[in-house]
Amino acid sequence: MTTIYKICPAAEWRAAERAGIFRGSAVDLRDGFIHFSAADQVAGTAAKHFAGQSDLLLIHVDADALGDALKWEVSRGGALFPHLYGDLRTEAVIRAEPLPLGPDGRHVFPPLQK
C-alpha cells in the first residue's frame, strides 16, 4: 500500500468527516484537483504552504484506493506530486492526526509510511 498525505485545517477536515467526502480546500478547488504529498515531500509542503499554522491535521490516505483519479504530476522542483482529480472519499483515509507546531515553530511529524 502506498500512503500519501494531505495537510488540512482541523475544522475543514471535521466537516468532511461529517459529510463522508472531502472536496478540497480553496486552493484545491481553484486548481481543479486535491493536492497531496508523498512521505518525503510533506514536510516541505508544510514549510512552504502552512508555515506557523496551528490546528492542522495530517491526513494519511491509501493512494491505491483512489484508483485512476490519482495522477502523479510534475510540481515543485520538478518532483512528481500526487494529485486527485475528484473527491476524496473518507473511506480511503487511513487516519487523521494532529500536526502540532514544535518550539521552533516548525510542524512536528509522526513517523510516515511511504
N, C-alpha and C. Protein backbone atom coordinates (compact mmCIF):
# COMPACT_ATOMS: atom_id res chain seq x y z
N MET A 1 0.85 -1.19 0.00
CA MET A 1 0.00 0.00 0.00
C MET A 1 0.89 1.24 0.00
N THR A 2 0.57 2.18 -0.85
CA THR A 2 1.25 3.47 -0.88
C THR A 2 0.42 4.47 -0.10
N THR A 3 1.07 5.18 0.81
CA THR A 3 0.39 6.20 1.61
C THR A 3 0.79 7.57 1.10
N ILE A 4 -0.20 8.44 0.92
CA ILE A 4 0.04 9.84 0.59
C ILE A 4 -0.60 10.69 1.68
N TYR A 5 -0.26 11.98 1.70
CA TYR A 5 -0.62 12.83 2.83
C TYR A 5 -1.25 14.14 2.37
N LYS A 6 -2.21 14.58 3.16
CA LYS A 6 -2.87 15.87 2.96
C LYS A 6 -2.80 16.63 4.28
N ILE A 7 -2.38 17.86 4.24
CA ILE A 7 -2.41 18.73 5.41
C ILE A 7 -3.68 19.56 5.30
N CYS A 8 -4.43 19.59 6.39
CA CYS A 8 -5.75 20.20 6.33
C CYS A 8 -6.09 20.88 7.66
N PRO A 9 -6.69 22.07 7.63
CA PRO A 9 -7.18 22.65 8.87
C PRO A 9 -8.17 21.69 9.53
N ALA A 10 -8.08 21.56 10.84
CA ALA A 10 -8.91 20.60 11.57
C ALA A 10 -10.40 20.81 11.32
N ALA A 11 -10.86 22.05 11.34
CA ALA A 11 -12.30 22.31 11.15
C ALA A 11 -12.76 21.87 9.77
N GLU A 12 -11.92 22.08 8.76
CA GLU A 12 -12.25 21.68 7.39
C GLU A 12 -12.37 20.16 7.29
N TRP A 13 -11.44 19.46 7.96
CA TRP A 13 -11.48 18.00 7.90
C TRP A 13 -12.66 17.44 8.68
N ARG A 14 -12.96 18.02 9.82
CA ARG A 14 -14.10 17.54 10.61
C ARG A 14 -15.40 17.66 9.81
N ALA A 15 -15.53 18.74 9.04
CA ALA A 15 -16.72 18.89 8.19
C ALA A 15 -16.75 17.80 7.11
N ALA A 16 -15.58 17.47 6.55
CA ALA A 16 -15.50 16.41 5.55
C ALA A 16 -15.88 15.06 6.16
N GLU A 17 -15.44 14.81 7.37
CA GLU A 17 -15.79 13.55 8.04
C GLU A 17 -17.30 13.43 8.22
N ARG A 18 -17.93 14.53 8.60
CA ARG A 18 -19.39 14.50 8.78
C ARG A 18 -20.10 14.24 7.45
N ALA A 19 -19.56 14.80 6.37
CA ALA A 19 -20.16 14.64 5.04
C ALA A 19 -19.77 13.31 4.38
N GLY A 20 -18.68 12.69 4.85
CA GLY A 20 -18.20 11.46 4.24
C GLY A 20 -17.37 11.68 2.99
N ILE A 21 -17.08 12.95 2.71
CA ILE A 21 -16.34 13.27 1.48
C ILE A 21 -15.60 14.59 1.66
N PHE A 22 -14.40 14.68 1.09
CA PHE A 22 -13.62 15.93 1.09
C PHE A 22 -13.48 16.38 -0.34
N ARG A 23 -13.99 17.56 -0.61
CA ARG A 23 -13.97 18.07 -1.98
C ARG A 23 -12.75 18.95 -2.25
N GLY A 24 -12.00 19.25 -1.18
CA GLY A 24 -10.77 20.03 -1.34
C GLY A 24 -10.84 21.36 -0.63
N SER A 25 -9.66 21.91 -0.40
CA SER A 25 -9.52 23.24 0.19
C SER A 25 -9.74 24.28 -0.91
N ALA A 26 -9.69 25.54 -0.54
CA ALA A 26 -9.87 26.62 -1.53
C ALA A 26 -8.82 26.51 -2.63
N VAL A 27 -7.58 26.20 -2.28
CA VAL A 27 -6.51 26.06 -3.28
C VAL A 27 -6.79 24.88 -4.19
N ASP A 28 -7.24 23.76 -3.61
CA ASP A 28 -7.57 22.58 -4.42
C ASP A 28 -8.68 22.91 -5.42
N LEU A 29 -9.72 23.56 -4.93
CA LEU A 29 -10.85 23.89 -5.79
C LEU A 29 -10.42 24.83 -6.91
N ARG A 30 -9.54 25.77 -6.59
CA ARG A 30 -9.03 26.70 -7.61
C ARG A 30 -8.23 25.96 -8.68
N ASP A 31 -7.41 24.98 -8.24
CA ASP A 31 -6.52 24.28 -9.16
C ASP A 31 -7.19 23.12 -9.90
N GLY A 32 -8.36 22.69 -9.43
CA GLY A 32 -9.09 21.63 -10.11
C GLY A 32 -8.70 20.22 -9.69
N PHE A 33 -7.93 20.09 -8.63
CA PHE A 33 -7.56 18.79 -8.09
C PHE A 33 -7.15 18.96 -6.63
N ILE A 34 -7.15 17.85 -5.89
CA ILE A 34 -6.74 17.88 -4.49
C ILE A 34 -5.25 17.58 -4.43
N HIS A 35 -4.51 18.50 -3.81
CA HIS A 35 -3.06 18.37 -3.66
C HIS A 35 -2.73 17.40 -2.52
N PHE A 36 -1.82 16.49 -2.78
CA PHE A 36 -1.28 15.59 -1.76
C PHE A 36 0.24 15.65 -1.83
N SER A 37 0.87 15.03 -0.86
CA SER A 37 2.33 14.90 -0.84
C SER A 37 2.69 13.48 -0.49
N ALA A 38 3.83 13.04 -1.01
CA ALA A 38 4.40 11.76 -0.60
C ALA A 38 5.12 11.98 0.73
N ALA A 39 5.53 10.89 1.37
CA ALA A 39 6.17 10.97 2.68
C ALA A 39 7.40 11.87 2.67
N ASP A 40 8.18 11.82 1.61
CA ASP A 40 9.40 12.62 1.56
C ASP A 40 9.15 14.06 1.11
N GLN A 41 7.91 14.41 0.83
CA GLN A 41 7.56 15.76 0.37
C GLN A 41 6.75 16.56 1.38
N VAL A 42 6.09 15.89 2.31
CA VAL A 42 5.08 16.55 3.13
C VAL A 42 5.67 17.60 4.08
N ALA A 43 6.87 17.39 4.59
CA ALA A 43 7.48 18.40 5.46
C ALA A 43 7.77 19.68 4.67
N GLY A 44 8.20 19.54 3.43
CA GLY A 44 8.42 20.70 2.58
C GLY A 44 7.13 21.42 2.26
N THR A 45 6.07 20.66 2.05
CA THR A 45 4.75 21.25 1.81
C THR A 45 4.30 22.05 3.03
N ALA A 46 4.50 21.48 4.21
CA ALA A 46 4.11 22.19 5.45
C ALA A 46 4.89 23.49 5.59
N ALA A 47 6.19 23.43 5.34
CA ALA A 47 7.04 24.63 5.49
C ALA A 47 6.65 25.70 4.47
N LYS A 48 6.34 25.29 3.25
CA LYS A 48 6.05 26.26 2.20
C LYS A 48 4.64 26.83 2.28
N HIS A 49 3.65 25.99 2.57
CA HIS A 49 2.25 26.42 2.47
C HIS A 49 1.53 26.58 3.80
N PHE A 50 2.10 26.06 4.90
CA PHE A 50 1.41 26.07 6.19
C PHE A 50 2.30 26.59 7.32
N ALA A 51 3.35 27.32 6.99
CA ALA A 51 4.31 27.80 7.98
C ALA A 51 3.61 28.53 9.13
N GLY A 52 3.90 28.10 10.35
CA GLY A 52 3.38 28.75 11.54
C GLY A 52 1.92 28.49 11.84
N GLN A 53 1.22 27.74 11.01
CA GLN A 53 -0.21 27.49 11.22
C GLN A 53 -0.40 26.36 12.23
N SER A 54 -1.31 26.60 13.14
CA SER A 54 -1.66 25.58 14.12
C SER A 54 -3.04 25.03 13.78
N ASP A 55 -3.50 24.08 14.58
CA ASP A 55 -4.81 23.45 14.41
C ASP A 55 -4.94 22.78 13.04
N LEU A 56 -3.85 22.11 12.64
CA LEU A 56 -3.85 21.35 11.40
C LEU A 56 -3.89 19.86 11.69
N LEU A 57 -4.38 19.11 10.72
CA LEU A 57 -4.35 17.65 10.79
C LEU A 57 -3.52 17.12 9.63
N LEU A 58 -2.86 16.01 9.87
CA LEU A 58 -2.16 15.28 8.82
C LEU A 58 -3.05 14.09 8.47
N ILE A 59 -3.53 14.07 7.23
CA ILE A 59 -4.44 13.03 6.77
C ILE A 59 -3.61 11.99 6.01
N HIS A 60 -3.65 10.75 6.47
CA HIS A 60 -2.95 9.63 5.84
C HIS A 60 -3.96 8.95 4.91
N VAL A 61 -3.61 8.83 3.64
CA VAL A 61 -4.55 8.31 2.65
C VAL A 61 -3.94 7.12 1.90
N ASP A 62 -4.74 6.09 1.71
CA ASP A 62 -4.35 4.93 0.92
C ASP A 62 -4.44 5.31 -0.56
N ALA A 63 -3.29 5.57 -1.16
CA ALA A 63 -3.28 6.01 -2.56
C ALA A 63 -3.88 4.97 -3.49
N ASP A 64 -3.70 3.69 -3.17
CA ASP A 64 -4.21 2.62 -4.03
C ASP A 64 -5.74 2.63 -4.09
N ALA A 65 -6.39 3.14 -3.05
CA ALA A 65 -7.86 3.18 -3.00
C ALA A 65 -8.44 4.28 -3.88
N LEU A 66 -7.59 5.16 -4.41
CA LEU A 66 -8.09 6.30 -5.18
C LEU A 66 -8.23 6.00 -6.67
N GLY A 67 -7.65 4.90 -7.11
CA GLY A 67 -7.81 4.48 -8.50
C GLY A 67 -7.19 5.43 -9.50
N ASP A 68 -7.80 5.46 -10.68
CA ASP A 68 -7.26 6.23 -11.80
C ASP A 68 -7.41 7.74 -11.64
N ALA A 69 -8.18 8.18 -10.67
CA ALA A 69 -8.35 9.62 -10.45
C ALA A 69 -7.09 10.25 -9.85
N LEU A 70 -6.18 9.41 -9.32
CA LEU A 70 -4.93 9.90 -8.74
C LEU A 70 -3.86 9.92 -9.83
N LYS A 71 -3.27 11.09 -10.03
CA LYS A 71 -2.21 11.27 -11.04
C LYS A 71 -0.97 11.82 -10.33
N TRP A 72 0.18 11.31 -10.72
CA TRP A 72 1.46 11.83 -10.21
C TRP A 72 1.98 12.79 -11.27
N GLU A 73 2.05 14.08 -10.90
CA GLU A 73 2.38 15.12 -11.87
C GLU A 73 3.54 15.99 -11.38
N VAL A 74 4.28 16.53 -12.34
CA VAL A 74 5.42 17.39 -12.02
C VAL A 74 4.93 18.65 -11.33
N SER A 75 5.60 18.97 -10.23
CA SER A 75 5.25 20.17 -9.46
C SER A 75 6.54 20.77 -8.92
N ARG A 76 6.53 21.18 -7.67
CA ARG A 76 7.64 21.88 -7.03
C ARG A 76 8.99 21.20 -7.30
N GLY A 77 9.92 21.96 -7.86
CA GLY A 77 11.26 21.46 -8.09
C GLY A 77 11.35 20.32 -9.09
N GLY A 78 10.32 20.13 -9.90
CA GLY A 78 10.33 19.07 -10.88
C GLY A 78 9.95 17.71 -10.33
N ALA A 79 9.63 17.63 -9.04
CA ALA A 79 9.25 16.36 -8.43
C ALA A 79 7.82 15.98 -8.80
N LEU A 80 7.54 14.69 -8.80
CA LEU A 80 6.19 14.20 -9.06
C LEU A 80 5.39 14.22 -7.76
N PHE A 81 4.27 14.92 -7.79
CA PHE A 81 3.38 15.01 -6.63
C PHE A 81 2.06 14.34 -6.96
N PRO A 82 1.41 13.73 -5.96
CA PRO A 82 0.10 13.11 -6.20
C PRO A 82 -1.02 14.15 -6.19
N HIS A 83 -1.83 14.10 -7.24
CA HIS A 83 -2.98 15.00 -7.40
C HIS A 83 -4.22 14.15 -7.65
N LEU A 84 -5.27 14.41 -6.90
CA LEU A 84 -6.51 13.66 -7.05
C LEU A 84 -7.52 14.49 -7.83
N TYR A 85 -7.92 13.97 -8.98
CA TYR A 85 -8.92 14.63 -9.83
C TYR A 85 -10.28 14.05 -9.49
N GLY A 86 -10.83 14.53 -8.41
CA GLY A 86 -12.12 14.07 -7.91
C GLY A 86 -12.16 14.29 -6.41
N ASP A 87 -13.22 13.84 -5.80
CA ASP A 87 -13.40 13.99 -4.36
C ASP A 87 -12.66 12.88 -3.62
N LEU A 88 -12.25 13.19 -2.41
CA LEU A 88 -11.62 12.19 -1.54
C LEU A 88 -12.71 11.59 -0.66
N ARG A 89 -12.98 10.32 -0.86
CA ARG A 89 -13.93 9.62 0.00
C ARG A 89 -13.23 9.29 1.32
N THR A 90 -13.89 9.54 2.41
CA THR A 90 -13.24 9.34 3.70
C THR A 90 -12.89 7.88 3.97
N GLU A 91 -13.51 6.93 3.28
CA GLU A 91 -13.13 5.53 3.50
C GLU A 91 -11.73 5.22 2.96
N ALA A 92 -11.15 6.10 2.13
CA ALA A 92 -9.77 5.92 1.66
C ALA A 92 -8.75 6.43 2.68
N VAL A 93 -9.26 7.06 3.74
CA VAL A 93 -8.37 7.64 4.76
C VAL A 93 -7.99 6.58 5.78
N ILE A 94 -6.71 6.46 6.01
CA ILE A 94 -6.18 5.52 6.99
C ILE A 94 -6.33 6.11 8.39
N ARG A 95 -5.94 7.36 8.54
CA ARG A 95 -6.13 8.06 9.81
C ARG A 95 -5.86 9.55 9.61
N ALA A 96 -6.36 10.32 10.56
CA ALA A 96 -6.12 11.76 10.63
C ALA A 96 -5.58 12.04 12.02
N GLU A 97 -4.48 12.76 12.09
CA GLU A 97 -3.90 13.05 13.40
C GLU A 97 -3.39 14.48 13.45
N PRO A 98 -3.31 15.04 14.66
CA PRO A 98 -2.84 16.41 14.79
C PRO A 98 -1.43 16.60 14.23
N LEU A 99 -1.19 17.77 13.67
CA LEU A 99 0.13 18.15 13.16
C LEU A 99 0.56 19.38 13.95
N PRO A 100 1.13 19.14 15.14
CA PRO A 100 1.44 20.26 16.03
C PRO A 100 2.68 21.04 15.60
N LEU A 101 2.77 22.24 16.12
CA LEU A 101 3.97 23.05 15.95
C LEU A 101 4.93 22.76 17.08
N GLY A 102 6.20 22.62 16.75
CA GLY A 102 7.22 22.43 17.77
C GLY A 102 7.66 23.77 18.34
N PRO A 103 8.54 23.76 19.33
CA PRO A 103 9.02 25.00 19.94
C PRO A 103 9.70 25.94 18.93
N ASP A 104 10.25 25.36 17.86
CA ASP A 104 10.92 26.17 16.84
C ASP A 104 9.95 26.72 15.79
N GLY A 105 8.65 26.44 15.94
CA GLY A 105 7.65 26.95 15.01
C GLY A 105 7.45 26.08 13.78
N ARG A 106 8.17 24.97 13.70
CA ARG A 106 8.00 24.03 12.59
C ARG A 106 7.08 22.90 13.01
N HIS A 107 6.41 22.32 12.05
CA HIS A 107 5.49 21.21 12.34
C HIS A 107 6.27 19.96 12.73
N VAL A 108 5.71 19.23 13.69
CA VAL A 108 6.30 18.00 14.18
C VAL A 108 5.54 16.83 13.56
N PHE A 109 6.23 16.05 12.75
CA PHE A 109 5.61 14.94 12.03
C PHE A 109 5.78 13.62 12.78
N PRO A 110 4.76 12.78 12.71
CA PRO A 110 4.88 11.42 13.22
C PRO A 110 5.71 10.60 12.22
N PRO A 111 6.06 9.39 12.56
CA PRO A 111 6.69 8.51 11.56
C PRO A 111 5.74 8.33 10.37
N LEU A 112 6.27 8.37 9.17
CA LEU A 112 5.45 8.30 7.96
C LEU A 112 5.72 7.03 7.19
N GLN A 113 4.65 6.50 6.58
CA GLN A 113 4.76 5.35 5.69
C GLN A 113 4.95 5.86 4.26
N LYS A 114 5.67 5.11 3.47
CA LYS A 114 5.84 5.50 2.05
C LYS A 114 4.80 4.84 1.20
